[in-house]
C-alpha atoms as a PDB file:
ATOM      1  CA  MET A   1     -39.858  -3.574   8.883  1.00  0.00           C
ATOM      2  CA  ASN A   2     -39.817  -1.062   6.607  1.00  0.00           C
ATOM      3  CA  THR A   3     -37.909  -2.064   3.162  1.00  0.00           C
ATOM      4  CA  THR A   4     -37.248   0.486  -0.220  1.00  0.00           C
ATOM      5  CA  LEU A   5     -36.016  -1.201  -2.916  1.00  0.00           C
ATOM      6  CA  ILE A   6     -34.489   1.019  -5.822  1.00  0.00           C
ATOM      7  CA  THR A   7     -33.834  -0.923  -9.295  1.00  0.00           C
ATOM      8  CA  LEU A   8     -32.312   0.308 -11.758  1.00  0.00           C
ATOM      9  CA  VAL A   9     -31.975  -0.871 -15.553  1.00  0.00           C
ATOM     10  CA  SER A  10     -29.525  -0.052 -18.217  1.00  0.00           C
ATOM     11  CA  ALA A  11     -32.787   1.214 -20.593  1.00  0.00           C
ATOM     12  CA  ALA A  12     -34.475   3.457 -17.885  1.00  0.00           C
ATOM     13  CA  ALA A  13     -34.462   3.562 -13.860  1.00  0.00           C
ATOM     14  CA  LEU A  14     -37.603   2.399 -12.225  1.00  0.00           C
ATOM     15  CA  ILE A  15     -37.604   3.794  -9.018  1.00  0.00           C
ATOM     16  CA  VAL A  16     -39.477   3.004  -5.649  1.00  0.00           C
ATOM     17  CA  ALA A  17     -37.988   4.958  -3.135  1.00  0.00           C
ATOM     18  CA  ALA A  18     -38.652   7.946  -1.205  1.00  0.00           C
ATOM     19  CA  PRO A  19     -38.271  11.573  -2.944  1.00  0.00           C
ATOM     20  CA  ALA A  20     -35.185  12.520  -0.710  1.00  0.00           C
ATOM     21  CA  ALA A  21     -33.517   8.851  -1.656  1.00  0.00           C
ATOM     22  CA  ARG A  22     -34.962   9.531  -4.954  1.00  0.00           C
ATOM     23  CA  ALA A  23     -33.089  12.522  -5.641  1.00  0.00           C
ATOM     24  CA  GLN A  24     -29.550  11.240  -4.853  1.00  0.00           C
ATOM     25  CA  VAL A  25     -29.332   8.778  -7.678  1.00  0.00           C
ATOM     26  CA  ARG A  26     -28.176   9.006 -10.616  1.00  0.00           C
ATOM     27  CA  GLN A  27     -27.406   7.286 -13.927  1.00  0.00           C
ATOM     28  CA  SER A  28     -25.802   7.708 -16.855  1.00  0.00           C
ATOM     29  CA  GLY A  29     -25.125   4.945 -19.475  1.00  0.00           C
ATOM     30  CA  ASP A  30     -22.569   2.679 -17.895  1.00  0.00           C
ATOM     31  CA  ASN A  31     -22.035   4.755 -14.738  1.00  0.00           C
ATOM     32  CA  TRP A  32     -24.027   4.923 -11.752  1.00  0.00           C
ATOM     33  CA  SER A  33     -23.837   7.084  -8.508  1.00  0.00           C
ATOM     34  CA  TRP A  34     -25.738   7.419  -5.241  1.00  0.00           C
ATOM     35  CA  ARG A  35     -25.469  10.052  -2.686  1.00  0.00           C
ATOM     36  CA  GLY A  36     -27.543   9.713   1.047  1.00  0.00           C
ATOM     37  CA  THR A  37     -26.403   9.503   4.422  1.00  0.00           C
ATOM     38  CA  ILE A  38     -26.815   6.647   7.317  1.00  0.00           C
ATOM     39  CA  ALA A  39     -26.407   6.546  10.704  1.00  0.00           C
ATOM     40  CA  GLN A  40     -23.152   5.924  12.952  1.00  0.00           C
ATOM     41  CA  GLY A  41     -23.372   2.419  13.645  1.00  0.00           C
ATOM     42  CA  LYS A  42     -25.175   0.909  10.655  1.00  0.00           C
ATOM     43  CA  THR A  43     -23.796  -0.587   7.520  1.00  0.00           C
ATOM     44  CA  LEU A  44     -23.495   0.544   3.980  1.00  0.00           C
ATOM     45  CA  GLU A  45     -22.709  -2.919   2.038  1.00  0.00           C
ATOM     46  CA  ILE A  46     -21.334  -3.527  -1.797  1.00  0.00           C
ATOM     47  CA  ARG A  47     -21.808  -6.822  -3.593  1.00  0.00           C
ATOM     48  CA  GLY A  48     -20.668  -7.749  -6.707  1.00  0.00           C
ATOM     49  CA  ILE A  49     -19.819 -10.432  -9.361  1.00  0.00           C
ATOM     50  CA  SER A  50     -16.556  -9.555 -11.270  1.00  0.00           C
ATOM     51  CA  GLY A  51     -15.452  -6.367 -11.191  1.00  0.00           C
ATOM     52  CA  SER A  52     -13.070  -4.728  -7.919  1.00  0.00           C
ATOM     53  CA  ILE A  53     -14.883  -2.684  -4.776  1.00  0.00           C
ATOM     54  CA  ARG A  54     -12.919   0.149  -3.161  1.00  0.00           C
ATOM     55  CA  ALA A  55     -14.178   2.047  -0.202  1.00  0.00           C
ATOM     56  CA  GLU A  56     -11.932   4.949   1.079  1.00  0.00           C
ATOM     57  CA  PRO A  57     -13.261   8.063   3.868  1.00  0.00           C
ATOM     58  CA  ALA A  58     -15.549  10.461   2.915  1.00  0.00           C
ATOM     59  CA  SER A  59     -14.445  13.815   3.331  1.00  0.00           C
ATOM     60  CA  GLY A  60     -17.757  14.534   5.712  1.00  0.00           C
ATOM     61  CA  GLY A  61     -21.363  13.251   6.998  1.00  0.00           C
ATOM     62  CA  THR A  62     -22.588  11.687   3.103  1.00  0.00           C
ATOM     63  CA  ILE A  63     -21.830   8.253   1.694  1.00  0.00           C
ATOM     64  CA  GLU A  64     -20.682   8.516  -1.997  1.00  0.00           C
ATOM     65  CA  VAL A  65     -20.967   5.379  -4.061  1.00  0.00           C
ATOM     66  CA  THR A  66     -20.453   4.775  -7.855  1.00  0.00           C
ATOM     67  CA  ALA A  67     -20.328   2.077 -10.045  1.00  0.00           C
ATOM     68  CA  VAL A  68     -18.880   1.951 -13.440  1.00  0.00           C
ATOM     69  CA  LYS A  69     -19.861  -1.275 -15.964  1.00  0.00           C
ATOM     70  CA  ARG A  70     -16.927  -2.524 -17.950  1.00  0.00           C
ATOM     71  CA  GLY A  71     -17.317  -4.816 -20.938  1.00  0.00           C
ATOM     72  CA  SER A  72     -19.118  -5.606 -24.479  1.00  0.00           C
ATOM     73  CA  ALA A  73     -22.352  -3.638 -24.842  1.00  0.00           C
ATOM     74  CA  GLY A  74     -24.709  -6.370 -24.928  1.00  0.00           C
ATOM     75  CA  ASP A  75     -22.801  -8.128 -21.324  1.00  0.00           C
ATOM     76  CA  ARG A  76     -23.201  -4.386 -19.955  1.00  0.00           C
ATOM     77  CA  ALA A  77     -26.956  -4.059 -21.120  1.00  0.00           C
ATOM     78  CA  ASP A  78     -28.025  -7.370 -18.839  1.00  0.00           C
ATOM     79  CA  VAL A  79     -26.476  -5.669 -15.524  1.00  0.00           C
ATOM     80  CA  ARG A  80     -28.310  -3.092 -13.206  1.00  0.00           C
ATOM     81  CA  ILE A  81     -27.323  -1.806 -10.114  1.00  0.00           C
ATOM     82  CA  GLU A  82     -29.890  -2.112  -6.946  1.00  0.00           C
ATOM     83  CA  MET A  83     -30.087  -0.611  -3.859  1.00  0.00           C
ATOM     84  CA  VAL A  84     -31.873  -1.851  -0.740  1.00  0.00           C
ATOM     85  CA  GLN A  85     -32.592   0.293   2.196  1.00  0.00           C
ATOM     86  CA  GLU A  86     -33.451  -1.612   5.157  1.00  0.00           C
ATOM     87  CA  ASP A  87     -32.901  -1.651   9.010  1.00  0.00           C
ATOM     88  CA  GLY A  88     -31.515   1.816   8.699  1.00  0.00           C
ATOM     89  CA  GLY A  89     -28.773   0.582   6.490  1.00  0.00           C
ATOM     90  CA  VAL A  90     -27.771   0.203   2.814  1.00  0.00           C
ATOM     91  CA  THR A  91     -27.017  -2.363   0.190  1.00  0.00           C
ATOM     92  CA  ILE A  92     -25.918  -2.028  -3.245  1.00  0.00           C
ATOM     93  CA  CYS A  93     -25.713  -4.846  -5.493  1.00  0.00           C
ATOM     94  CA  ALA A  94     -24.270  -5.273  -9.006  1.00  0.00           C
ATOM     95  CA  VAL A  95     -27.571  -7.892 -10.147  1.00  0.00           C
ATOM     96  CA  TYR A  96     -26.811  -9.470 -13.441  1.00  0.00           C
ATOM     97  CA  SER A  97     -30.132 -10.939 -15.716  1.00  0.00           C
ATOM     98  CA  GLY A  98     -31.574 -14.307 -14.332  1.00  0.00           C
ATOM     99  CA  THR A  99     -34.261 -15.929 -13.305  1.00  0.00           C
ATOM    100  CA  GLY A 100     -34.609 -15.197  -9.103  1.00  0.00           C
ATOM    101  CA  ASN A 101     -31.724 -12.678  -8.993  1.00  0.00           C
ATOM    102  CA  ASN A 102     -31.645 -10.235  -6.755  1.00  0.00           C
ATOM    103  CA  CYS A 103     -29.941  -7.564  -4.309  1.00  0.00           C
ATOM    104  CA  ARG A 104     -30.407  -8.316  -0.239  1.00  0.00           C
ATOM    105  CA  SER A 105     -28.716  -7.030   2.906  1.00  0.00           C
ATOM    106  CA  GLY A 106     -26.433  -9.931   3.965  1.00  0.00           C
ATOM    107  CA  GLY A 107     -26.866 -12.059   0.395  1.00  0.00           C
ATOM    108  CA  GLY A 108     -29.697 -12.104  -1.948  1.00  0.00           C
ATOM    109  CA  ARG A 109     -29.518 -14.255  -5.248  1.00  0.00           C
ATOM    110  CA  THR A 110     -27.143 -13.798  -8.296  1.00  0.00           C
ATOM    111  CA  HIS A 111     -24.877 -15.926 -10.989  1.00  0.00           C
ATOM    112  CA  THR A 112     -24.309 -15.301 -14.400  1.00  0.00           C
ATOM    113  CA  HIS A 113     -24.580 -16.877 -17.519  1.00  0.00           C
ATOM    114  CA  ASP A 114     -22.333 -15.707 -20.565  1.00  0.00           C
ATOM    115  CA  ASN A 115     -21.924 -12.805 -19.267  1.00  0.00           C
ATOM    116  CA  ASP A 116     -18.404 -11.492 -18.866  1.00  0.00           C
ATOM    117  CA  ALA A 117     -19.387  -8.049 -17.432  1.00  0.00           C
ATOM    118  CA  ASP A 118     -16.796  -5.687 -14.746  1.00  0.00           C
ATOM    119  CA  VAL A 119     -18.476  -3.541 -12.385  1.00  0.00           C
ATOM    120  CA  ASP A 120     -15.817  -1.209 -10.646  1.00  0.00           C
ATOM    121  CA  PHE A 121     -17.586   0.196  -7.107  1.00  0.00           C
ATOM    122  CA  VAL A 122     -16.134   2.982  -5.625  1.00  0.00           C
ATOM    123  CA  ALA A 123     -17.724   3.791  -1.767  1.00  0.00           C
ATOM    124  CA  ARG A 124     -16.861   7.097   0.146  1.00  0.00           C
ATOM    125  CA  VAL A 125     -17.398   6.424   3.640  1.00  0.00           C
ATOM    126  CA  PRO A 126     -18.108   8.526   6.866  1.00  0.00           C
ATOM    127  CA  ALA A 127     -16.240   7.826   9.653  1.00  0.00           C
ATOM    128  CA  GLY A 128     -18.388   5.889  12.194  1.00  0.00           C
ATOM    129  CA  VAL A 129     -20.577   3.877   9.267  1.00  0.00           C
ATOM    130  CA  ALA A 130     -19.571   0.221   8.887  1.00  0.00           C
ATOM    131  CA  PHE A 131     -18.285  -1.161   5.555  1.00  0.00           C
ATOM    132  CA  GLU A 132     -19.148  -4.481   4.317  1.00  0.00           C
ATOM    133  CA  GLY A 133     -17.769  -5.663   0.355  1.00  0.00           C
ATOM    134  CA  VAL A 134     -17.795  -8.646  -1.289  1.00  0.00           C
ATOM    135  CA  MET A 135     -17.060  -9.410  -4.904  1.00  0.00           C
ATOM    136  CA  VAL A 136     -16.808 -13.036  -6.406  1.00  0.00           C
ATOM    137  CA  SER A 137     -13.972 -12.572  -9.173  1.00  0.00           C
ATOM    138  CA  GLY A 138     -12.060  -9.171  -8.001  1.00  0.00           C
ATOM    139  CA  ASP A 139     -10.136  -7.574  -5.188  1.00  0.00           C
ATOM    140  CA  VAL A 140     -11.953  -5.622  -2.485  1.00  0.00           C
ATOM    141  CA  GLN A 141      -9.793  -2.723  -0.667  1.00  0.00           C
ATOM    142  CA  ALA A 142     -10.583  -0.800   1.937  1.00  0.00           C
ATOM    143  CA  SER A 143      -8.187   2.300   3.268  1.00  0.00           C
ATOM    144  CA  GLY A 144      -8.952   4.718   6.019  1.00  0.00           C
ATOM    145  CA  VAL A 145     -12.749   3.495   6.956  1.00  0.00           C
ATOM    146  CA  ASN A 146     -12.645   3.781  10.529  1.00  0.00           C
ATOM    147  CA  GLY A 147     -15.940   1.743  11.283  1.00  0.00           C
ATOM    148  CA  HIS A 148     -16.277  -1.716  11.429  1.00  0.00           C
ATOM    149  CA  VAL A 149     -15.111  -3.520   8.350  1.00  0.00           C
ATOM    150  CA  SER A 150     -15.807  -6.772   6.559  1.00  0.00           C
ATOM    151  CA  VAL A 151     -14.313  -7.893   3.376  1.00  0.00           C
ATOM    152  CA  THR A 152     -14.196 -10.770   1.140  1.00  0.00           C
ATOM    153  CA  SER A 153     -13.353 -12.010  -2.509  1.00  0.00           C
ATOM    154  CA  VAL A 154     -13.721 -15.753  -3.416  1.00  0.00           C
ATOM    155  CA  SER A 155     -11.060 -15.280  -6.375  1.00  0.00           C
ATOM    156  CA  GLY A 156      -9.075 -11.889  -5.607  1.00  0.00           C
ATOM    157  CA  ASP A 157      -7.343  -9.801  -3.124  1.00  0.00           C
ATOM    158  CA  VAL A 158      -8.026  -8.324   0.051  1.00  0.00           C
ATOM    159  CA  LEU A 159      -6.610  -5.065   1.603  1.00  0.00           C
ATOM    160  CA  VAL A 160      -6.881  -3.337   4.792  1.00  0.00           C
ATOM    161  CA  ARG A 161      -5.265  -0.004   5.228  1.00  0.00           C
ATOM    162  CA  ASN A 162      -5.341   2.649   7.639  1.00  0.00           C
ATOM    163  CA  ALA A 163      -8.121   1.084   9.773  1.00  0.00           C
ATOM    164  CA  ARG A 164      -9.257   1.787  13.494  1.00  0.00           C
ATOM    165  CA  ALA A 165     -11.782  -0.477  13.283  1.00  0.00           C
ATOM    166  CA  GLU A 166     -12.444  -4.011  14.328  1.00  0.00           C
ATOM    167  CA  VAL A 167     -11.845  -5.937  10.933  1.00  0.00           C
ATOM    168  CA  ALA A 168     -12.488  -9.363   9.181  1.00  0.00           C
ATOM    169  CA  ALA A 169     -11.262 -10.293   6.210  1.00  0.00           C
ATOM    170  CA  ARG A 170     -11.258 -13.004   4.013  1.00  0.00           C
ATOM    171  CA  SER A 171     -10.137 -14.657   0.760  1.00  0.00           C
ATOM    172  CA  VAL A 172     -10.301 -18.156  -1.244  1.00  0.00           C
ATOM    173  CA  SER A 173      -7.710 -17.656  -3.705  1.00  0.00           C
ATOM    174  CA  GLY A 174      -6.240 -14.494  -2.869  1.00  0.00           C
ATOM    175  CA  ASN A 175      -3.991 -13.060  -0.490  1.00  0.00           C
ATOM    176  CA  VAL A 176      -4.967 -10.962   2.691  1.00  0.00           C
ATOM    177  CA  THR A 177      -3.009  -7.676   3.794  1.00  0.00           C
ATOM    178  CA  LEU A 178      -3.795  -5.713   7.038  1.00  0.00           C
ATOM    179  CA  ASP A 179      -1.659  -2.546   7.044  1.00  0.00           C
ATOM    180  CA  SER A 180      -2.005  -0.240   9.645  1.00  0.00           C
ATOM    181  CA  VAL A 181      -4.690  -1.726  10.989  1.00  0.00           C
ATOM    182  CA  ASP A 182      -5.510  -0.697  14.340  1.00  0.00           C
ATOM    183  CA  GLY A 183      -9.036  -2.682  16.499  1.00  0.00           C
ATOM    184  CA  GLU A 184      -9.611  -4.406  18.813  1.00  0.00           C
ATOM    185  CA  GLU A 185     -10.719  -7.543  17.261  1.00  0.00           C
ATOM    186  CA  VAL A 186      -9.009  -8.319  14.029  1.00  0.00           C
ATOM    187  CA  GLY A 187      -9.658 -11.403  12.001  1.00  0.00           C
ATOM    188  CA  ALA A 188      -8.209 -12.601   8.548  1.00  0.00           C
ATOM    189  CA  SER A 189      -8.480 -15.552   6.497  1.00  0.00           C
ATOM    190  CA  THR A 190      -7.769 -17.218   3.347  1.00  0.00           C
ATOM    191  CA  VAL A 191      -7.568 -21.027   1.785  1.00  0.00           C
ATOM    192  CA  SER A 192      -4.767 -20.664  -1.351  1.00  0.00           C
ATOM    193  CA  GLY A 193      -2.929 -17.287  -0.305  1.00  0.00           C
ATOM    194  CA  ASP A 194      -0.668 -15.646   2.192  1.00  0.00           C
ATOM    195  CA  VAL A 195      -1.749 -13.395   5.119  1.00  0.00           C
ATOM    196  CA  GLU A 196      -0.236 -10.473   6.116  1.00  0.00           C
ATOM    197  CA  PHE A 197      -0.545  -8.236   9.272  1.00  0.00           C
ATOM    198  CA  THR A 198       1.351  -4.844  10.050  1.00  0.00           C
ATOM    199  CA  GLY A 199      -0.305  -2.969  13.567  1.00  0.00           C
ATOM    200  CA  PRO A 200      -0.619  -2.778  17.421  1.00  0.00           C
ATOM    201  CA  PHE A 201      -1.680  -5.679  19.216  1.00  0.00           C
ATOM    202  CA  ARG A 202      -4.378  -4.028  21.802  1.00  0.00           C
ATOM    203  CA  GLU A 203      -4.540  -4.973  25.313  1.00  0.00           C
ATOM    204  CA  GLY A 204      -7.278  -7.859  25.994  1.00  0.00           C
ATOM    205  CA  GLY A 205      -7.425  -7.734  22.700  1.00  0.00           C
ATOM    206  CA  ARG A 206      -9.014 -11.082  20.250  1.00  0.00           C
ATOM    207  CA  TYR A 207      -6.846 -11.444  16.870  1.00  0.00           C
ATOM    208  CA  ARG A 208      -6.844 -14.671  14.374  1.00  0.00           C
ATOM    209  CA  PHE A 209      -5.171 -15.271  11.421  1.00  0.00           C
ATOM    210  CA  GLY A 210      -4.999 -18.626   9.146  1.00  0.00           C
ATOM    211  CA  SER A 211      -4.222 -20.224   5.727  1.00  0.00           C
ATOM    212  CA  VAL A 212      -4.630 -23.498   4.158  1.00  0.00           C
ATOM    213  CA  SER A 213      -1.630 -23.450   1.856  1.00  0.00           C
ATOM    214  CA  GLY A 214       0.207 -19.736   2.618  1.00  0.00           C
ATOM    215  CA  ASP A 215       2.413 -18.306   5.355  1.00  0.00           C
ATOM    216  CA  LEU A 216       1.243 -15.827   7.673  1.00  0.00           C
ATOM    217  CA  THR A 217       3.541 -12.695   8.731  1.00  0.00           C
ATOM    218  CA  LEU A 218       2.416 -10.680  11.552  1.00  0.00           C
ATOM    219  CA  ARG A 219       4.717  -7.161  12.050  1.00  0.00           C
ATOM    220  CA  VAL A 220       3.779  -5.843  15.486  1.00  0.00           C
ATOM    221  CA  ASP A 221       3.678  -2.470  15.733  1.00  0.00           C
ATOM    222  CA  GLY A 222       4.471  -1.162  19.623  1.00  0.00           C
ATOM    223  CA  ALA A 223       4.333  -4.006  23.057  1.00  0.00           C
ATOM    224  CA  LEU A 224       3.422  -7.718  22.886  1.00  0.00           C
ATOM    225  CA  ASN A 225       1.529  -9.056  25.740  1.00  0.00           C
ATOM    226  CA  ALA A 226      -0.100 -11.866  24.320  1.00  0.00           C
ATOM    227  CA  THR A 227      -1.296 -15.413  24.490  1.00  0.00           C
ATOM    228  CA  VAL A 228      -0.578 -17.133  21.368  1.00  0.00           C
ATOM    229  CA  SER A 229      -2.260 -20.716  20.301  1.00  0.00           C
ATOM    230  CA  VAL A 230      -0.642 -22.136  16.941  1.00  0.00           C
ATOM    231  CA  SER A 231      -2.253 -25.071  14.463  1.00  0.00           C
ATOM    232  CA  THR A 232      -0.235 -26.138  11.706  1.00  0.00           C
ATOM    233  CA  VAL A 233       0.740 -29.817  10.311  1.00  0.00           C
ATOM    234  CA  SER A 234       3.679 -28.917   8.283  1.00  0.00           C
ATOM    235  CA  GLY A 235       4.763 -25.069   8.702  1.00  0.00           C
ATOM    236  CA  GLU A 236       7.505 -23.729  11.679  1.00  0.00           C
ATOM    237  CA  LEU A 237       7.413 -20.822  13.596  1.00  0.00           C
ATOM    238  CA  GLU A 238       9.675 -17.984  13.656  1.00  0.00           C
ATOM    239  CA  SER A 239       9.467 -15.348  16.427  1.00  0.00           C
ATOM    240  CA  ASP A 240      10.862 -12.447  17.063  1.00  0.00           C
ATOM    241  CA  PHE A 241      10.173 -12.112  20.863  1.00  0.00           C
ATOM    242  CA  PRO A 242      10.783 -14.361  23.084  1.00  0.00           C
ATOM    243  CA  VAL A 243       8.384 -16.771  24.155  1.00  0.00           C
ATOM    244  CA  THR A 244       7.186 -19.335  26.870  1.00  0.00           C
ATOM    245  CA  LEU A 245       5.985 -22.688  26.226  1.00  0.00           C
ATOM    246  CA  THR A 246       2.943 -23.021  28.459  1.00  0.00           C
ATOM    247  CA  ARG A 247       1.150 -26.670  26.842  1.00  0.00           C
ATOM    248  CA  GLY A 248       1.853 -28.835  24.254  1.00  0.00           C
ATOM    249  CA  GLY A 249       5.568 -29.424  25.553  1.00  0.00           C
ATOM    250  CA  ARG A 250       7.433 -28.623  22.057  1.00  0.00           C
ATOM    251  CA  PHE A 251       7.788 -26.360  19.103  1.00  0.00           C
ATOM    252  CA  ALA A 252       6.959 -29.627  16.867  1.00  0.00           C
ATOM    253  CA  SER A 253       3.618 -30.243  18.039  1.00  0.00           C
ATOM    254  CA  ARG A 254       0.689 -30.017  15.447  1.00  0.00           C
ATOM    255  CA  ARG A 255      -1.171 -27.324  18.211  1.00  0.00           C
ATOM    256  CA  PHE A 256       0.483 -25.522  20.735  1.00  0.00           C
ATOM    257  CA  GLU A 257       0.564 -22.341  22.930  1.00  0.00           C
ATOM    258  CA  PHE A 258       2.942 -20.055  24.463  1.00  0.00           C
ATOM    259  CA  THR A 259       3.028 -16.518  25.913  1.00  0.00           C
ATOM    260  CA  VAL A 260       4.681 -12.898  25.386  1.00  0.00           C
ATOM    261  CA  GLY A 261       4.451 -10.747  28.001  1.00  0.00           C
ATOM    262  CA  GLY A 262       2.042 -10.275  30.266  1.00  0.00           C
ATOM    263  CA  GLY A 263      -0.025 -12.187  27.850  1.00  0.00           C
ATOM    264  CA  GLY A 264      -3.178 -10.261  28.266  1.00  0.00           C
ATOM    265  CA  THR A 265      -4.226 -10.261  24.056  1.00  0.00           C
ATOM    266  CA  ARG A 266      -5.451 -13.766  22.337  1.00  0.00           C
ATOM    267  CA  LEU A 267      -3.939 -14.022  19.074  1.00  0.00           C
ATOM    268  CA  THR A 268      -4.830 -17.404  17.687  1.00  0.00           C
ATOM    269  CA  LEU A 269      -2.641 -18.544  14.316  1.00  0.00           C
ATOM    270  CA  SER A 270      -3.678 -21.795  12.131  1.00  0.00           C
ATOM    271  CA  THR A 271      -1.888 -22.727   8.826  1.00  0.00           C
ATOM    272  CA  VAL A 272      -1.736 -26.344   7.197  1.00  0.00           C
ATOM    273  CA  SER A 273       1.291 -25.944   5.038  1.00  0.00           C
ATOM    274  CA  GLY A 274       2.129 -22.217   5.521  1.00  0.00           C
ATOM    275  CA  ALA A 275       5.527 -20.518   7.299  1.00  0.00           C
ATOM    276  CA  VAL A 276       4.386 -18.515  11.024  1.00  0.00           C
ATOM    277  CA  GLN A 277       6.465 -15.326  11.236  1.00  0.00           C
ATOM    278  CA  LEU A 278       5.951 -13.156  14.417  1.00  0.00           C
ATOM    279  CA  ARG A 279       8.102  -9.958  13.818  1.00  0.00           C
ATOM    280  CA  ARG A 280       8.603  -6.886  15.316  1.00  0.00           C
ATOM    281  CA  SER A 281       7.637  -3.888  12.946  1.00  0.00           C
ATOM    282  CA  GLY A 282      10.255  -1.430  11.423  1.00  0.00           C
ATOM    283  CA  PRO A 283      14.097  -1.288  12.174  1.00  0.00           C
ATOM    284  CA  ALA A 284      13.428  -3.690  15.311  1.00  0.00           C
ATOM    285  CA  GLY A 285      12.385  -6.561  13.408  1.00  0.00           C
ATOM    286  CA  ARG A 286      14.838  -8.757  11.879  1.00  0.00           C
ATOM    287  CA  GLU A 287      15.546  -9.147   8.241  1.00  0.00           C
ATOM    288  CA  GLU A 288      13.697 -12.092   6.614  1.00  0.00           C
ATOM    289  CA  GLU A 289      15.896 -14.501   4.486  1.00  0.00           C
END
């Protein structure tokens, strides 16, 4: 397995890469950028500790990524941007000074100690390229990205908008919003925030939404033909669609299943104390109280 590692330090750039990749990397003070290409189906992955990640559609087939460091001069100097090219994909990380900290596809090791610097990433992603964004403290959003999308924040909100793709979106203490998302496999979850989804449910698709203490609100574009599984402890279900119970016997049960229409789509909803709302999108839906 061939791996190319690019480490950019604030004072000087150490680059170990092929000449084509080297020519596309730029750093000026606290501003870092990279332009390059990867094959469709491969993944652009961005990982940060504190700051934000925003992904947008590229105008052509070239990926563009910028990173801007914010904070005190001393803290900024202790953060570097690393890029790893591996198995056809690219991983870009904000790496803070510390023993053993590194950048690696799918994870790596990064921790901070008395460093309040933020790094804000912006990525322009061509159609067909998968995107993964992971931030510990900060918001993550992807708008108009039309490859597989995976976005995660531990302490921040997550937003995916105008995406024709499979989507996985997660947060621990933030809200997760999927707006105008059209994919055959879509999932969104959070622990202490709300989950909102607007988009079509494709025939034969698989959809999973969950929250521990927040509400689930789904606004359906077009027809819905789904088998819906609901798990809740103290929450309530409200539906604009006529439902037919298939097991569980009554809505008061903690777990029950019902069908809407032909039931060809699989929809799984889970919450502990939040409400579950299944709405028709647009004027056809009921006004929420």
